[in-house]
């Protein structure tokens, strides 16, 4: 099996699993308790007067 096909097979199987896990993790971080305050603080950063 040449390198291209081996890498493509790896990306098709484990790459999809890794991207799915990242997506689920990002959703969990966004909906965790206490994340609303952090998100509101981050949204106000461009509007702060220093």
PDB file of N, CA and C in Angstrom:
ATOM      1  N   UNK A   1       0.852  -1.170   0.000  1.00  0.00           N
ATOM      2  CA  UNK A   1       0.000   0.000   0.000  1.00  0.00           C
ATOM      3  C   UNK A   1       0.899   1.235   0.000  1.00  0.00           C
ATOM      4  N   UNK A   2       0.634   2.126  -0.903  1.00  0.00           N
ATOM      5  CA  UNK A   2       1.467   3.326  -0.966  1.00  0.00           C
ATOM      6  C   UNK A   2       1.083   4.299   0.159  1.00  0.00           C
ATOM      7  N   UNK A   3       1.916   5.288   0.340  1.00  0.00           N
ATOM      8  CA  UNK A   3       1.763   6.209   1.461  1.00  0.00           C
ATOM      9  C   UNK A   3       0.461   6.995   1.385  1.00  0.00           C
ATOM     10  N   UNK A   4       0.105   7.453   0.198  1.00  0.00           N
ATOM     11  CA  UNK A   4      -1.114   8.246   0.056  1.00  0.00           C
ATOM     12  C   UNK A   4      -2.344   7.460   0.511  1.00  0.00           C
ATOM     13  N   UNK A   5      -2.475   6.241   0.045  1.00  0.00           N
ATOM     14  CA  UNK A   5      -3.639   5.433   0.414  1.00  0.00           C
ATOM     15  C   UNK A   5      -3.635   5.098   1.905  1.00  0.00           C
ATOM     16  N   UNK A   6      -2.472   4.874   2.465  1.00  0.00           N
ATOM     17  CA  UNK A   6      -2.393   4.590   3.898  1.00  0.00           C
ATOM     18  C   UNK A   6      -2.830   5.806   4.713  1.00  0.00           C
ATOM     19  N   UNK A   7      -2.363   6.985   4.333  1.00  0.00           N
ATOM     20  CA  UNK A   7      -2.747   8.206   5.044  1.00  0.00           C
ATOM     21  C   UNK A   7      -4.232   8.509   4.855  1.00  0.00           C
ATOM     22  N   UNK A   8      -4.743   8.258   3.674  1.00  0.00           N
ATOM     23  CA  UNK A   8      -6.161   8.506   3.422  1.00  0.00           C
ATOM     24  C   UNK A   8      -7.024   7.560   4.250  1.00  0.00           C
ATOM     25  N   UNK A   9      -6.634   6.311   4.316  1.00  0.00           N
ATOM     26  CA  UNK A   9      -7.381   5.353   5.131  1.00  0.00           C
ATOM     27  C   UNK A   9      -7.344   5.761   6.600  1.00  0.00           C
ATOM     28  N   UNK A  10      -6.198   6.191   7.088  1.00  0.00           N
ATOM     29  CA  UNK A  10      -6.070   6.656   8.473  1.00  0.00           C
ATOM     30  C   UNK A  10      -6.963   7.862   8.725  1.00  0.00           C
ATOM     31  N   UNK A  11      -6.958   8.832   7.805  1.00  0.00           N
ATOM     32  CA  UNK A  11      -7.764  10.040   7.976  1.00  0.00           C
ATOM     33  C   UNK A  11      -9.251   9.713   7.908  1.00  0.00           C
ATOM     34  N   UNK A  12      -9.628   8.782   7.043  1.00  0.00           N
ATOM     35  CA  UNK A  12     -11.040   8.414   6.934  1.00  0.00           C
ATOM     36  C   UNK A  12     -11.553   7.743   8.196  1.00  0.00           C
ATOM     37  N   UNK A  13     -10.733   6.991   8.867  1.00  0.00           N
ATOM     38  CA  UNK A  13     -11.207   6.275  10.047  1.00  0.00           C
ATOM     39  C   UNK A  13     -10.925   7.059  11.330  1.00  0.00           C
ATOM     40  N   UNK A  14      -9.682   7.224  11.683  1.00  0.00           N
ATOM     41  CA  UNK A  14      -9.329   7.871  12.943  1.00  0.00           C
ATOM     42  C   UNK A  14      -9.495   9.384  12.899  1.00  0.00           C
ATOM     43  N   UNK A  15      -9.335   9.974  11.723  1.00  0.00           N
ATOM     44  CA  UNK A  15      -9.531  11.421  11.605  1.00  0.00           C
ATOM     45  C   UNK A  15     -10.963  11.815  11.905  1.00  0.00           C
ATOM     46  N   UNK A  16     -11.907  11.035  11.390  1.00  0.00           N
ATOM     47  CA  UNK A  16     -13.313  11.298  11.669  1.00  0.00           C
ATOM     48  C   UNK A  16     -13.611  11.145  13.148  1.00  0.00           C
ATOM     49  N   UNK A  17     -13.051  10.136  13.762  1.00  0.00           N
ATOM     50  CA  UNK A  17     -13.246   9.928  15.202  1.00  0.00           C
ATOM     51  C   UNK A  17     -12.666  11.094  16.000  1.00  0.00           C
ATOM     52  N   UNK A  18     -11.480  11.560  15.630  1.00  0.00           N
ATOM     53  CA  UNK A  18     -10.848  12.675  16.336  1.00  0.00           C
ATOM     54  C   UNK A  18     -11.651  13.963  16.177  1.00  0.00           C
ATOM     55  N   UNK A  19     -12.129  14.240  14.975  1.00  0.00           N
ATOM     56  CA  UNK A  19     -12.933  15.447  14.755  1.00  0.00           C
ATOM     57  C   UNK A  19     -14.259  15.375  15.512  1.00  0.00           C
ATOM     58  N   UNK A  20     -14.850  14.199  15.565  1.00  0.00           N
ATOM     59  CA  UNK A  20     -16.104  14.035  16.310  1.00  0.00           C
ATOM     60  C   UNK A  20     -15.875  14.249  17.799  1.00  0.00           C
ATOM     61  N   UNK A  21     -14.789  13.710  18.323  1.00  0.00           N
ATOM     62  CA  UNK A  21     -14.473  13.900  19.739  1.00  0.00           C
ATOM     63  C   UNK A  21     -14.203  15.369  20.052  1.00  0.00           C
ATOM     64  N   UNK A  22     -13.509  16.053  19.151  1.00  0.00           N
ATOM     65  CA  UNK A  22     -13.252  17.485  19.345  1.00  0.00           C
ATOM     66  C   UNK A  22     -14.563  18.269  19.355  1.00  0.00           C
ATOM     67  N   UNK A  23     -15.472  17.941  18.443  1.00  0.00           N
ATOM     68  CA  UNK A  23     -16.764  18.618  18.363  1.00  0.00           C
ATOM     69  C   UNK A  23     -17.564  18.416  19.646  1.00  0.00           C
ATOM     70  N   UNK A  24     -17.633  17.187  20.114  1.00  0.00           N
ATOM     71  CA  UNK A  24     -18.369  16.902  21.350  1.00  0.00           C
ATOM     72  C   UNK A  24     -17.714  17.614  22.524  1.00  0.00           C
ATOM     73  N   UNK A  25     -16.388  17.644  22.570  1.00  0.00           N
ATOM     74  CA  UNK A  25     -15.687  18.347  23.637  1.00  0.00           C
ATOM     75  C   UNK A  25     -15.952  19.844  23.611  1.00  0.00           C
ATOM     76  N   UNK A  26     -15.981  20.432  22.426  1.00  0.00           N
ATOM     77  CA  UNK A  26     -16.261  21.868  22.314  1.00  0.00           C
ATOM     78  C   UNK A  26     -17.681  22.188  22.779  1.00  0.00           C
ATOM     79  N   UNK A  27     -18.616  21.321  22.450  1.00  0.00           N
ATOM     80  CA  UNK A  27     -19.991  21.524  22.902  1.00  0.00           C
ATOM     81  C   UNK A  27     -20.069  21.420  24.430  1.00  0.00           C
ATOM     82  N   UNK A  28     -19.387  20.434  24.997  1.00  0.00           N
ATOM     83  CA  UNK A  28     -19.408  20.271  26.451  1.00  0.00           C
ATOM     84  C   UNK A  28     -18.773  21.466  27.166  1.00  0.00           C
ATOM     85  N   UNK A  29     -17.712  22.012  26.604  1.00  0.00           N
ATOM     86  CA  UNK A  29     -17.085  23.193  27.200  1.00  0.00           C
ATOM     87  C   UNK A  29     -18.029  24.389  27.122  1.00  0.00           C
ATOM     88  N   UNK A  30     -18.766  24.503  26.025  1.00  0.00           N
ATOM     89  CA  UNK A  30     -19.669  25.633  25.852  1.00  0.00           C
ATOM     90  C   UNK A  30     -20.870  25.573  26.790  1.00  0.00           C
ATOM     91  N   UNK A  31     -21.331  24.376  27.136  1.00  0.00           N
ATOM     92  CA  UNK A  31     -22.534  24.274  27.963  1.00  0.00           C
ATOM     93  C   UNK A  31     -22.240  23.931  29.419  1.00  0.00           C
ATOM     94  N   UNK A  32     -20.982  23.904  29.802  1.00  0.00           N
ATOM     95  CA  UNK A  32     -20.662  23.573  31.195  1.00  0.00           C
ATOM     96  C   UNK A  32     -21.140  24.688  32.123  1.00  0.00           C
ATOM     97  N   UNK A  33     -21.419  24.354  33.371  1.00  0.00           N
ATOM     98  CA  UNK A  33     -21.848  25.382  34.322  1.00  0.00           C
ATOM     99  C   UNK A  33     -20.753  26.436  34.503  1.00  0.00           C
ATOM    100  N   UNK A  34     -21.144  27.672  34.507  1.00  0.00           N
ATOM    101  CA  UNK A  34     -20.194  28.755  34.703  1.00  0.00           C
ATOM    102  C   UNK A  34     -19.588  29.304  33.428  1.00  0.00           C
ATOM    103  N   UNK A  35     -19.928  28.735  32.298  1.00  0.00           N
ATOM    104  CA  UNK A  35     -19.329  29.210  31.049  1.00  0.00           C
ATOM    105  C   UNK A  35     -19.988  30.496  30.548  1.00  0.00           C
ATOM    106  N   UNK A  36     -21.190  30.797  31.016  1.00  0.00           N
ATOM    107  CA  UNK A  36     -21.872  32.014  30.565  1.00  0.00           C
ATOM    108  C   UNK A  36     -21.086  33.265  30.958  1.00  0.00           C
ATOM    109  N   UNK A  37     -20.584  33.291  32.177  1.00  0.00           N
ATOM    110  CA  UNK A  37     -19.816  34.458  32.649  1.00  0.00           C
ATOM    111  C   UNK A  37     -18.536  34.623  31.833  1.00  0.00           C
ATOM    112  N   UNK A  38     -17.850  33.533  31.563  1.00  0.00           N
ATOM    113  CA  UNK A  38     -16.615  33.608  30.777  1.00  0.00           C
ATOM    114  C   UNK A  38     -16.907  34.071  29.352  1.00  0.00           C
ATOM    115  N   UNK A  39     -18.006  33.609  28.776  1.00  0.00           N
ATOM    116  CA  UNK A  39     -18.362  34.011  27.416  1.00  0.00           C
ATOM    117  C   UNK A  39     -18.750  35.486  27.368  1.00  0.00           C
ATOM    118  N   UNK A  40     -19.477  35.947  28.366  1.00  0.00           N
ATOM    119  CA  UNK A  40     -19.852  37.363  28.403  1.00  0.00           C
ATOM    120  C   UNK A  40     -18.624  38.255  28.581  1.00  0.00           C
ATOM    121  N   UNK A  41     -17.692  37.835  29.424  1.00  0.00           N
ATOM    122  CA  UNK A  41     -16.459  38.609  29.607  1.00  0.00           C
ATOM    123  C   UNK A  41     -15.647  38.655  28.315  1.00  0.00           C
ATOM    124  N   UNK A  42     -15.558  37.551  27.619  1.00  0.00           N
ATOM    125  CA  UNK A  42     -14.815  37.515  26.362  1.00  0.00           C
ATOM    126  C   UNK A  42     -15.498  38.368  25.291  1.00  0.00           C
ATOM    127  N   UNK A  43     -16.814  38.419  25.299  1.00  0.00           N
ATOM    128  CA  UNK A  43     -17.537  39.209  24.302  1.00  0.00           C
ATOM    129  C   UNK A  43     -17.357  40.710  24.540  1.00  0.00           C
ATOM    130  N   UNK A  44     -17.075  41.106  25.754  1.00  0.00           N
ATOM    131  CA  UNK A  44     -16.924  42.525  26.073  1.00  0.00           C
ATOM    132  C   UNK A  44     -15.495  43.044  25.883  1.00  0.00           C
ATOM    133  N   UNK A  45     -14.556  42.182  25.590  1.00  0.00           N
ATOM    134  CA  UNK A  45     -13.154  42.591  25.461  1.00  0.00           C
ATOM    135  C   UNK A  45     -12.978  43.708  24.421  1.00  0.00           C
ATOM    136  N   UNK A  46     -13.543  43.607  23.207  1.00  0.00           N
ATOM    137  CA  UNK A  46     -13.312  44.676  22.224  1.00  0.00           C
ATOM    138  C   UNK A  46     -13.918  46.009  22.623  1.00  0.00           C
ATOM    139  N   UNK A  47     -14.885  46.015  23.545  1.00  0.00           N
ATOM    140  CA  UNK A  47     -15.584  47.241  23.908  1.00  0.00           C
ATOM    141  C   UNK A  47     -14.998  47.927  25.143  1.00  0.00           C
ATOM    142  N   UNK A  48     -14.010  47.292  25.771  1.00  0.00           N
ATOM    143  CA  UNK A  48     -13.418  47.867  26.978  1.00  0.00           C
ATOM    144  C   UNK A  48     -12.591  49.093  26.625  1.00  0.00           C
ATOM    145  N   UNK A  49     -12.723  50.113  27.455  1.00  0.00           N
ATOM    146  CA  UNK A  49     -11.890  51.311  27.302  1.00  0.00           C
ATOM    147  C   UNK A  49     -10.709  51.211  28.246  1.00  0.00           C
ATOM    148  N   UNK A  50      -9.526  51.211  27.689  1.00  0.00           N
ATOM    149  CA  UNK A  50      -8.322  51.108  28.543  1.00  0.00           C
ATOM    150  C   UNK A  50      -7.714  52.448  28.757  1.00  0.00           C
TER     151      UNK A  50
END
